[in-house]
C-alpha cells in the first residue's frame, strides 16, 4: 500500500485539498477546491478525499503549519497548510 500526503491550504480566502504524488507533475495531483469560506471540517475533508479515491491511513494525525511568503520577514502575509497521511481507498496506487 502506497502512502501519500494530503494537504489543505488556504490562499486568498480559498481552501484547496490536494494529494501530493511524488514523481507526478503537480498539474496531475488529485485535488478538490472547497472555494472561499470557513476552514473545511474534518468530515468535509474526509468526504473530499473519499471522492478522490483516498482514505486516512491507520493512526493518521492531522497537523497544521503556518507558512510565510517571505520567511525572513515577520510582516509577510501568512497562510495555513494542513497535512495528513492517506492511502488509496482500494489499497493500490491512486
PDB file of N, CA and C in Angstrom:
ATOM      1  N   UNK A   1       0.863  -1.188   0.000  1.00  0.00           N
ATOM      2  CA  UNK A   1       0.000   0.000   0.000  1.00  0.00           C
ATOM      3  C   UNK A   1       0.897   1.235   0.000  1.00  0.00           C
ATOM      4  N   UNK A   2       0.620   2.144  -0.888  1.00  0.00           N
ATOM      5  CA  UNK A   2       1.411   3.354  -1.025  1.00  0.00           C
ATOM      6  C   UNK A   2       0.769   4.496  -0.248  1.00  0.00           C
ATOM      7  N   UNK A   3       1.584   5.169   0.550  1.00  0.00           N
ATOM      8  CA  UNK A   3       1.078   6.312   1.313  1.00  0.00           C
ATOM      9  C   UNK A   3       1.439   7.601   0.608  1.00  0.00           C
ATOM     10  N   UNK A   4       0.562   8.581   0.779  1.00  0.00           N
ATOM     11  CA  UNK A   4       0.757   9.910   0.216  1.00  0.00           C
ATOM     12  C   UNK A   4       0.424  10.925   1.297  1.00  0.00           C
ATOM     13  N   UNK A   5       0.795  12.159   1.060  1.00  0.00           N
ATOM     14  CA  UNK A   5       0.430  13.245   1.965  1.00  0.00           C
ATOM     15  C   UNK A   5      -0.681  14.060   1.314  1.00  0.00           C
ATOM     16  N   UNK A   6      -1.792  14.175   2.032  1.00  0.00           N
ATOM     17  CA  UNK A   6      -2.873  15.055   1.584  1.00  0.00           C
ATOM     18  C   UNK A   6      -2.676  16.385   2.290  1.00  0.00           C
ATOM     19  N   UNK A   7      -2.828  17.462   1.560  1.00  0.00           N
ATOM     20  CA  UNK A   7      -2.647  18.787   2.134  1.00  0.00           C
ATOM     21  C   UNK A   7      -3.853  19.659   1.840  1.00  0.00           C
ATOM     22  N   UNK A   8      -4.154  20.524   2.795  1.00  0.00           N
ATOM     23  CA  UNK A   8      -5.185  21.548   2.620  1.00  0.00           C
ATOM     24  C   UNK A   8      -4.499  22.874   2.841  1.00  0.00           C
ATOM     25  N   UNK A   9      -4.654  23.769   1.885  1.00  0.00           N
ATOM     26  CA  UNK A   9      -4.040  25.081   2.042  1.00  0.00           C
ATOM     27  C   UNK A   9      -5.066  26.163   1.766  1.00  0.00           C
ATOM     28  N   UNK A  10      -4.795  27.317   2.342  1.00  0.00           N
ATOM     29  CA  UNK A  10      -5.663  28.467   2.163  1.00  0.00           C
ATOM     30  C   UNK A  10      -4.841  29.605   1.605  1.00  0.00           C
ATOM     31  N   UNK A  11      -5.345  30.167   0.544  1.00  0.00           N
ATOM     32  CA  UNK A  11      -4.719  31.351  -0.055  1.00  0.00           C
ATOM     33  C   UNK A  11      -5.811  32.225  -0.589  1.00  0.00           C
ATOM     34  N   UNK A  12      -5.756  33.480  -0.273  1.00  0.00           N
ATOM     35  CA  UNK A  12      -6.731  34.455  -0.761  1.00  0.00           C
ATOM     36  C   UNK A  12      -8.163  34.045  -0.414  1.00  0.00           C
ATOM     37  N   UNK A  13      -8.328  33.409   0.752  1.00  0.00           N
ATOM     38  CA  UNK A  13      -9.660  33.044   1.234  1.00  0.00           C
ATOM     39  C   UNK A  13     -10.240  31.775   0.652  1.00  0.00           C
ATOM     40  N   UNK A  14      -9.506  31.088  -0.230  1.00  0.00           N
ATOM     41  CA  UNK A  14      -9.982  29.833  -0.839  1.00  0.00           C
ATOM     42  C   UNK A  14      -9.260  28.654  -0.190  1.00  0.00           C
ATOM     43  N   UNK A  15      -9.959  27.538  -0.046  1.00  0.00           N
ATOM     44  CA  UNK A  15      -9.403  26.321   0.535  1.00  0.00           C
ATOM     45  C   UNK A  15      -9.289  25.247  -0.536  1.00  0.00           C
ATOM     46  N   UNK A  16      -8.106  24.649  -0.657  1.00  0.00           N
ATOM     47  CA  UNK A  16      -7.838  23.633  -1.660  1.00  0.00           C
ATOM     48  C   UNK A  16      -7.227  22.407  -0.979  1.00  0.00           C
ATOM     49  N   UNK A  17      -7.779  21.222  -1.275  1.00  0.00           N
ATOM     50  CA  UNK A  17      -7.223  19.958  -0.798  1.00  0.00           C
ATOM     51  C   UNK A  17      -6.579  19.267  -1.992  1.00  0.00           C
ATOM     52  N   UNK A  18      -5.382  18.743  -1.809  1.00  0.00           N
ATOM     53  CA  UNK A  18      -4.713  18.019  -2.886  1.00  0.00           C
ATOM     54  C   UNK A  18      -3.879  16.899  -2.293  1.00  0.00           C
ATOM     55  N   UNK A  19      -3.622  15.866  -3.098  1.00  0.00           N
ATOM     56  CA  UNK A  19      -2.820  14.729  -2.671  1.00  0.00           C
ATOM     57  C   UNK A  19      -1.496  14.790  -3.418  1.00  0.00           C
ATOM     58  N   UNK A  20      -0.413  14.903  -2.647  1.00  0.00           N
ATOM     59  CA  UNK A  20       0.929  15.007  -3.209  1.00  0.00           C
ATOM     60  C   UNK A  20       1.324  13.645  -3.773  1.00  0.00           C
ATOM     61  N   UNK A  21       1.723  13.622  -5.031  1.00  0.00           N
ATOM     62  CA  UNK A  21       2.134  12.385  -5.697  1.00  0.00           C
ATOM     63  C   UNK A  21       3.566  12.577  -6.187  1.00  0.00           C
ATOM     64  N   UNK A  22       4.516  11.993  -5.480  1.00  0.00           N
ATOM     65  CA  UNK A  22       5.919  12.120  -5.855  1.00  0.00           C
ATOM     66  C   UNK A  22       6.136  11.537  -7.256  1.00  0.00           C
ATOM     67  N   UNK A  23       6.909  12.235  -8.082  1.00  0.00           N
ATOM     68  CA  UNK A  23       7.208  11.781  -9.428  1.00  0.00           C
ATOM     69  C   UNK A  23       6.101  12.052 -10.433  1.00  0.00           C
ATOM     70  N   UNK A  24       5.046  12.741  -9.987  1.00  0.00           N
ATOM     71  CA  UNK A  24       3.916  13.061 -10.858  1.00  0.00           C
ATOM     72  C   UNK A  24       3.841  14.591 -10.961  1.00  0.00           C
ATOM     73  N   UNK A  25       3.653  15.144 -12.139  1.00  0.00           N
ATOM     74  CA  UNK A  25       3.554  16.607 -12.243  1.00  0.00           C
ATOM     75  C   UNK A  25       2.434  17.155 -11.356  1.00  0.00           C
ATOM     76  N   UNK A  26       2.681  18.299 -10.753  1.00  0.00           N
ATOM     77  CA  UNK A  26       1.705  18.931  -9.858  1.00  0.00           C
ATOM     78  C   UNK A  26       0.353  19.088 -10.548  1.00  0.00           C
ATOM     79  N   UNK A  27       0.359  19.362 -11.819  1.00  0.00           N
ATOM     80  CA  UNK A  27      -0.894  19.554 -12.548  1.00  0.00           C
ATOM     81  C   UNK A  27      -1.748  18.284 -12.584  1.00  0.00           C
ATOM     82  N   UNK A  28      -1.162  17.137 -12.248  1.00  0.00           N
ATOM     83  CA  UNK A  28      -1.889  15.868 -12.263  1.00  0.00           C
ATOM     84  C   UNK A  28      -2.225  15.352 -10.861  1.00  0.00           C
ATOM     85  N   UNK A  29      -1.897  16.126  -9.823  1.00  0.00           N
ATOM     86  CA  UNK A  29      -2.247  15.715  -8.466  1.00  0.00           C
ATOM     87  C   UNK A  29      -3.768  15.790  -8.294  1.00  0.00           C
ATOM     88  N   UNK A  30      -4.379  14.782  -7.660  1.00  0.00           N
ATOM     89  CA  UNK A  30      -5.815  14.860  -7.375  1.00  0.00           C
ATOM     90  C   UNK A  30      -6.093  16.053  -6.456  1.00  0.00           C
ATOM     91  N   UNK A  31      -7.151  16.806  -6.752  1.00  0.00           N
ATOM     92  CA  UNK A  31      -7.441  17.968  -5.907  1.00  0.00           C
ATOM     93  C   UNK A  31      -8.942  18.222  -5.814  1.00  0.00           C
ATOM     94  N   UNK A  32      -9.298  18.929  -4.763  1.00  0.00           N
ATOM     95  CA  UNK A  32     -10.685  19.344  -4.539  1.00  0.00           C
ATOM     96  C   UNK A  32     -10.657  20.792  -4.060  1.00  0.00           C
ATOM     97  N   UNK A  33     -11.398  21.653  -4.713  1.00  0.00           N
ATOM     98  CA  UNK A  33     -11.474  23.071  -4.351  1.00  0.00           C
ATOM     99  C   UNK A  33     -12.728  23.292  -3.508  1.00  0.00           C
ATOM    100  N   UNK A  34     -12.529  23.658  -2.239  1.00  0.00           N
ATOM    101  CA  UNK A  34     -13.657  23.945  -1.348  1.00  0.00           C
ATOM    102  C   UNK A  34     -14.196  25.351  -1.570  1.00  0.00           C
ATOM    103  N   UNK A  35     -13.440  26.178  -2.276  1.00  0.00           N
ATOM    104  CA  UNK A  35     -13.873  27.544  -2.519  1.00  0.00           C
ATOM    105  C   UNK A  35     -13.620  28.435  -1.318  1.00  0.00           C
ATOM    106  N   UNK A  36     -14.155  29.648  -1.359  1.00  0.00           N
ATOM    107  CA  UNK A  36     -13.954  30.579  -0.245  1.00  0.00           C
ATOM    108  C   UNK A  36     -14.852  30.210   0.927  1.00  0.00           C
ATOM    109  N   UNK A  37     -14.456  30.675   2.099  1.00  0.00           N
ATOM    110  CA  UNK A  37     -15.288  30.452   3.279  1.00  0.00           C
ATOM    111  C   UNK A  37     -14.500  29.928   4.452  1.00  0.00           C
ATOM    112  N   UNK A  38     -15.225  29.277   5.349  1.00  0.00           N
ATOM    113  CA  UNK A  38     -14.623  28.750   6.569  1.00  0.00           C
ATOM    114  C   UNK A  38     -13.707  27.571   6.276  1.00  0.00           C
ATOM    115  N   UNK A  39     -12.849  27.251   7.247  1.00  0.00           N
ATOM    116  CA  UNK A  39     -11.978  26.091   7.143  1.00  0.00           C
ATOM    117  C   UNK A  39     -12.851  24.846   6.958  1.00  0.00           C
ATOM    118  N   UNK A  40     -12.574  24.002   5.958  1.00  0.00           N
ATOM    119  CA  UNK A  40     -13.362  22.778   5.791  1.00  0.00           C
ATOM    120  C   UNK A  40     -13.237  21.898   7.035  1.00  0.00           C
ATOM    121  N   UNK A  41     -14.346  21.349   7.479  1.00  0.00           N
ATOM    122  CA  UNK A  41     -14.341  20.494   8.668  1.00  0.00           C
ATOM    123  C   UNK A  41     -13.620  19.181   8.362  1.00  0.00           C
ATOM    124  N   UNK A  42     -13.203  18.449   9.404  1.00  0.00           N
ATOM    125  CA  UNK A  42     -12.608  17.131   9.155  1.00  0.00           C
ATOM    126  C   UNK A  42     -13.534  16.228   8.336  1.00  0.00           C
ATOM    127  N   UNK A  43     -14.840  16.276   8.589  1.00  0.00           N
ATOM    128  CA  UNK A  43     -15.787  15.445   7.833  1.00  0.00           C
ATOM    129  C   UNK A  43     -15.807  15.865   6.364  1.00  0.00           C
ATOM    130  N   UNK A  44     -15.784  17.164   6.088  1.00  0.00           N
ATOM    131  CA  UNK A  44     -15.767  17.645   4.697  1.00  0.00           C
ATOM    132  C   UNK A  44     -14.480  17.225   3.994  1.00  0.00           C
ATOM    133  N   UNK A  45     -13.361  17.303   4.707  1.00  0.00           N
ATOM    134  CA  UNK A  45     -12.085  16.891   4.124  1.00  0.00           C
ATOM    135  C   UNK A  45     -12.075  15.390   3.851  1.00  0.00           C
ATOM    136  N   UNK A  46     -12.629  14.617   4.777  1.00  0.00           N
ATOM    137  CA  UNK A  46     -12.699  13.166   4.612  1.00  0.00           C
ATOM    138  C   UNK A  46     -13.550  12.794   3.400  1.00  0.00           C
ATOM    139  N   UNK A  47     -14.713  13.450   3.254  1.00  0.00           N
ATOM    140  CA  UNK A  47     -15.584  13.178   2.103  1.00  0.00           C
ATOM    141  C   UNK A  47     -14.880  13.533   0.786  1.00  0.00           C
ATOM    142  N   UNK A  48     -14.159  14.651   0.783  1.00  0.00           N
ATOM    143  CA  UNK A  48     -13.446  15.056  -0.433  1.00  0.00           C
ATOM    144  C   UNK A  48     -12.357  14.034  -0.776  1.00  0.00           C
ATOM    145  N   UNK A  49     -11.627  13.569   0.229  1.00  0.00           N
ATOM    146  CA  UNK A  49     -10.601  12.558  -0.020  1.00  0.00           C
ATOM    147  C   UNK A  49     -11.209  11.270  -0.551  1.00  0.00           C
ATOM    148  N   UNK A  50     -12.329  10.856   0.037  1.00  0.00           N
ATOM    149  CA  UNK A  50     -13.005   9.641  -0.426  1.00  0.00           C
ATOM    150  C   UNK A  50     -13.419   9.796  -1.881  1.00  0.00           C
ATOM    151  N   UNK A  51     -13.952  10.963  -2.226  1.00  0.00           N
ATOM    152  CA  UNK A  51     -14.349  11.234  -3.610  1.00  0.00           C
ATOM    153  C   UNK A  51     -13.143  11.146  -4.559  1.00  0.00           C
ATOM    154  N   UNK A  52     -11.969  11.537  -4.067  1.00  0.00           N
ATOM    155  CA  UNK A  52     -10.751  11.480  -4.879  1.00  0.00           C
ATOM    156  C   UNK A  52     -10.133  10.078  -4.898  1.00  0.00           C
ATOM    157  N   UNK A  53     -10.684   9.151  -4.065  1.00  0.00           N
ATOM    158  CA  UNK A  53     -10.185   7.782  -4.051  1.00  0.00           C
ATOM    159  C   UNK A  53      -9.192   7.473  -2.954  1.00  0.00           C
ATOM    160  N   UNK A  54      -9.172   8.294  -1.889  1.00  0.00           N
ATOM    161  CA  UNK A  54      -8.222   8.115  -0.797  1.00  0.00           C
ATOM    162  C   UNK A  54      -8.934   8.046   0.551  1.00  0.00           C
ATOM    163  N   UNK A  55      -8.228   7.463   1.527  1.00  0.00           N
ATOM    164  CA  UNK A  55      -8.699   7.415   2.917  1.00  0.00           C
ATOM    165  C   UNK A  55      -7.503   7.723   3.818  1.00  0.00           C
ATOM    166  N   UNK A  56      -7.806   8.126   5.058  1.00  0.00           N
ATOM    167  CA  UNK A  56      -6.742   8.353   6.032  1.00  0.00           C
ATOM    168  C   UNK A  56      -6.058   7.018   6.337  1.00  0.00           C
ATOM    169  N   UNK A  57      -4.745   7.041   6.532  1.00  0.00           N
ATOM    170  CA  UNK A  57      -4.052   5.827   6.938  1.00  0.00           C
ATOM    171  C   UNK A  57      -4.381   5.550   8.403  1.00  0.00           C
ATOM    172  N   UNK A  58      -4.220   4.290   8.823  1.00  0.00           N
ATOM    173  CA  UNK A  58      -4.475   3.937  10.222  1.00  0.00           C
ATOM    174  C   UNK A  58      -3.594   4.773  11.134  1.00  0.00           C
ATOM    175  N   UNK A  59      -4.195   5.380  12.127  1.00  0.00           N
ATOM    176  CA  UNK A  59      -3.460   6.188  13.100  1.00  0.00           C
ATOM    177  C   UNK A  59      -2.997   7.541  12.585  1.00  0.00           C
ATOM    178  N   UNK A  60      -3.456   7.940  11.410  1.00  0.00           N
ATOM    179  CA  UNK A  60      -3.021   9.225  10.841  1.00  0.00           C
ATOM    180  C   UNK A  60      -3.442  10.376  11.743  1.00  0.00           C
ATOM    181  N   UNK A  61      -2.543  11.314  11.942  1.00  0.00           N
ATOM    182  CA  UNK A  61      -2.838  12.503  12.740  1.00  0.00           C
ATOM    183  C   UNK A  61      -2.726  13.731  11.855  1.00  0.00           C
ATOM    184  N   UNK A  62      -3.727  14.589  11.976  1.00  0.00           N
ATOM    185  CA  UNK A  62      -3.714  15.833  11.210  1.00  0.00           C
ATOM    186  C   UNK A  62      -2.822  16.858  11.913  1.00  0.00           C
ATOM    187  N   UNK A  63      -2.163  17.666  11.113  1.00  0.00           N
ATOM    188  CA  UNK A  63      -1.311  18.718  11.664  1.00  0.00           C
ATOM    189  C   UNK A  63      -1.469  19.974  10.822  1.00  0.00           C
ATOM    190  N   UNK A  64      -1.300  21.133  11.462  1.00  0.00           N
ATOM    191  CA  UNK A  64      -1.360  22.422  10.777  1.00  0.00           C
ATOM    192  C   UNK A  64      -0.025  23.121  10.917  1.00  0.00           C
ATOM    193  N   UNK A  65       0.333  23.861   9.889  1.00  0.00           N
ATOM    194  CA  UNK A  65       1.553  24.657   9.925  1.00  0.00           C
ATOM    195  C   UNK A  65       1.264  26.027   9.332  1.00  0.00           C
ATOM    196  N   UNK A  66       1.793  27.049   9.943  1.00  0.00           N
ATOM    197  CA  UNK A  66       1.670  28.399   9.402  1.00  0.00           C
ATOM    198  C   UNK A  66       2.900  28.680   8.571  1.00  0.00           C
ATOM    199  N   UNK A  67       2.691  29.106   7.340  1.00  0.00           N
ATOM    200  CA  UNK A  67       3.791  29.387   6.417  1.00  0.00           C
ATOM    201  C   UNK A  67       3.798  30.874   6.090  1.00  0.00           C
ATOM    202  N   UNK A  68       4.960  31.368   5.737  1.00  0.00           N
ATOM    203  CA  UNK A  68       5.104  32.774   5.385  1.00  0.00           C
ATOM    204  C   UNK A  68       5.598  32.886   3.954  1.00  0.00           C
ATOM    205  N   UNK A  69       5.059  33.854   3.218  1.00  0.00           N
ATOM    206  CA  UNK A  69       5.512  34.041   1.842  1.00  0.00           C
ATOM    207  C   UNK A  69       6.982  34.439   1.789  1.00  0.00           C
ATOM    208  N   UNK A  70       7.418  35.215   2.780  1.00  0.00           N
ATOM    209  CA  UNK A  70       8.822  35.597   2.890  1.00  0.00           C
ATOM    210  C   UNK A  70       9.279  35.231   4.303  1.00  0.00           C
ATOM    211  N   UNK A  71       9.876  34.031   4.471  1.00  0.00           N
ATOM    212  CA  UNK A  71      10.199  33.521   5.805  1.00  0.00           C
ATOM    213  C   UNK A  71      11.027  34.456   6.685  1.00  0.00           C
ATOM    214  N   UNK A  72      11.868  35.280   6.090  1.00  0.00           N
ATOM    215  CA  UNK A  72      12.726  36.170   6.886  1.00  0.00           C
ATOM    216  C   UNK A  72      12.072  37.510   7.206  1.00  0.00           C
ATOM    217  N   UNK A  73      10.791  37.674   6.854  1.00  0.00           N
ATOM    218  CA  UNK A  73      10.088  38.940   7.045  1.00  0.00           C
ATOM    219  C   UNK A  73       8.842  38.711   7.896  1.00  0.00           C
ATOM    220  N   UNK A  74       8.881  39.161   9.172  1.00  0.00           N
ATOM    221  CA  UNK A  74       7.753  38.965  10.089  1.00  0.00           C
ATOM    222  C   UNK A  74       6.483  39.675   9.637  1.00  0.00           C
ATOM    223  N   UNK A  75       6.585  40.627   8.741  1.00  0.00           N
ATOM    224  CA  UNK A  75       5.395  41.331   8.276  1.00  0.00           C
ATOM    225  C   UNK A  75       4.805  40.692   7.013  1.00  0.00           C
ATOM    226  N   UNK A  76       5.439  39.637   6.538  1.00  0.00           N
ATOM    227  CA  UNK A  76       4.973  38.951   5.333  1.00  0.00           C
ATOM    228  C   UNK A  76       3.645  38.240   5.594  1.00  0.00           C
ATOM    229  N   UNK A  77       2.747  38.226   4.607  1.00  0.00           N
ATOM    230  CA  UNK A  77       1.481  37.505   4.775  1.00  0.00           C
ATOM    231  C   UNK A  77       1.717  36.029   5.088  1.00  0.00           C
ATOM    232  N   UNK A  78       0.893  35.490   5.965  1.00  0.00           N
ATOM    233  CA  UNK A  78       0.984  34.081   6.335  1.00  0.00           C
ATOM    234  C   UNK A  78      -0.162  33.310   5.693  1.00  0.00           C
ATOM    235  N   UNK A  79       0.039  32.020   5.497  1.00  0.00           N
ATOM    236  CA  UNK A  79      -1.019  31.147   5.018  1.00  0.00           C
ATOM    237  C   UNK A  79      -0.917  29.828   5.765  1.00  0.00           C
ATOM    238  N   UNK A  80      -2.031  29.117   5.858  1.00  0.00           N
ATOM    239  CA  UNK A  80      -2.088  27.871   6.607  1.00  0.00           C
ATOM    240  C   UNK A  80      -1.969  26.669   5.682  1.00  0.00           C
ATOM    241  N   UNK A  81      -1.315  25.628   6.189  1.00  0.00           N
ATOM    242  CA  UNK A  81      -1.171  24.378   5.467  1.00  0.00           C
ATOM    243  C   UNK A  81      -1.442  23.247   6.447  1.00  0.00           C
ATOM    244  N   UNK A  82      -2.412  22.393   6.127  1.00  0.00           N
ATOM    245  CA  UNK A  82      -2.711  21.214   6.931  1.00  0.00           C
ATOM    246  C   UNK A  82      -2.249  19.994   6.152  1.00  0.00           C
ATOM    247  N   UNK A  83      -1.841  18.955   6.867  1.00  0.00           N
ATOM    248  CA  UNK A  83      -1.434  17.749   6.168  1.00  0.00           C
ATOM    249  C   UNK A  83      -1.754  16.518   6.998  1.00  0.00           C
ATOM    250  N   UNK A  84      -1.959  15.402   6.280  1.00  0.00           N
ATOM    251  CA  UNK A  84      -2.277  14.117   6.894  1.00  0.00           C
ATOM    252  C   UNK A  84      -1.877  13.020   5.920  1.00  0.00           C
ATOM    253  N   UNK A  85      -1.500  11.859   6.440  1.00  0.00           N
ATOM    254  CA  UNK A  85      -1.134  10.738   5.583  1.00  0.00           C
ATOM    255  C   UNK A  85      -2.385  10.002   5.108  1.00  0.00           C
ATOM    256  N   UNK A  86      -2.409   9.658   3.824  1.00  0.00           N
ATOM    257  CA  UNK A  86      -3.532   8.954   3.216  1.00  0.00           C
ATOM    258  C   UNK A  86      -3.007   7.809   2.349  1.00  0.00           C
ATOM    259  N   UNK A  87      -3.905   6.924   1.988  1.00  0.00           N
ATOM    260  CA  UNK A  87      -3.596   5.862   1.020  1.00  0.00           C
ATOM    261  C   UNK A  87      -4.812   5.700   0.128  1.00  0.00           C
ATOM    262  N   UNK A  88      -4.630   5.003  -0.986  1.00  0.00           N
ATOM    263  CA  UNK A  88      -5.769   4.827  -1.881  1.00  0.00           C
ATOM    264  C   UNK A  88      -6.821   3.962  -1.194  1.00  0.00           C
ATOM    265  N   UNK A  89      -8.070   4.200  -1.545  1.00  0.00           N
ATOM    266  CA  UNK A  89      -9.197   3.503  -0.947  1.00  0.00           C
ATOM    267  C   UNK A  89      -9.130   1.999  -1.175  1.00  0.00           C
ATOM    268  N   UNK A  90      -8.635   1.597  -2.349  1.00  0.00           N
ATOM    269  CA  UNK A  90      -8.609   0.164  -2.669  1.00  0.00           C
ATOM    270  C   UNK A  90      -7.265  -0.491  -2.322  1.00  0.00           C
ATOM    271  N   UNK A  91      -6.364   0.258  -1.709  1.00  0.00           N
ATOM    272  CA  UNK A  91      -5.068  -0.290  -1.300  1.00  0.00           C
ATOM    273  C   UNK A  91      -4.004  -0.261  -2.394  1.00  0.00           C
ATOM    274  N   UNK A  92      -4.388   0.121  -3.601  1.00  0.00           N
ATOM    275  CA  UNK A  92      -3.445   0.209  -4.707  1.00  0.00           C
ATOM    276  C   UNK A  92      -2.972   1.632  -4.898  1.00  0.00           C
ATOM    277  N   UNK A  93      -2.284   1.853  -5.968  1.00  0.00           N
ATOM    278  CA  UNK A  93      -1.824   3.202  -6.280  1.00  0.00           C
ATOM    279  C   UNK A  93      -2.970   3.985  -6.887  1.00  0.00           C
ATOM    280  N   UNK A  94      -3.226   5.179  -6.370  1.00  0.00           N
ATOM    281  CA  UNK A  94      -4.236   6.063  -6.950  1.00  0.00           C
ATOM    282  C   UNK A  94      -3.545   7.206  -7.634  1.00  0.00           C
TER     283      UNK A  94
END
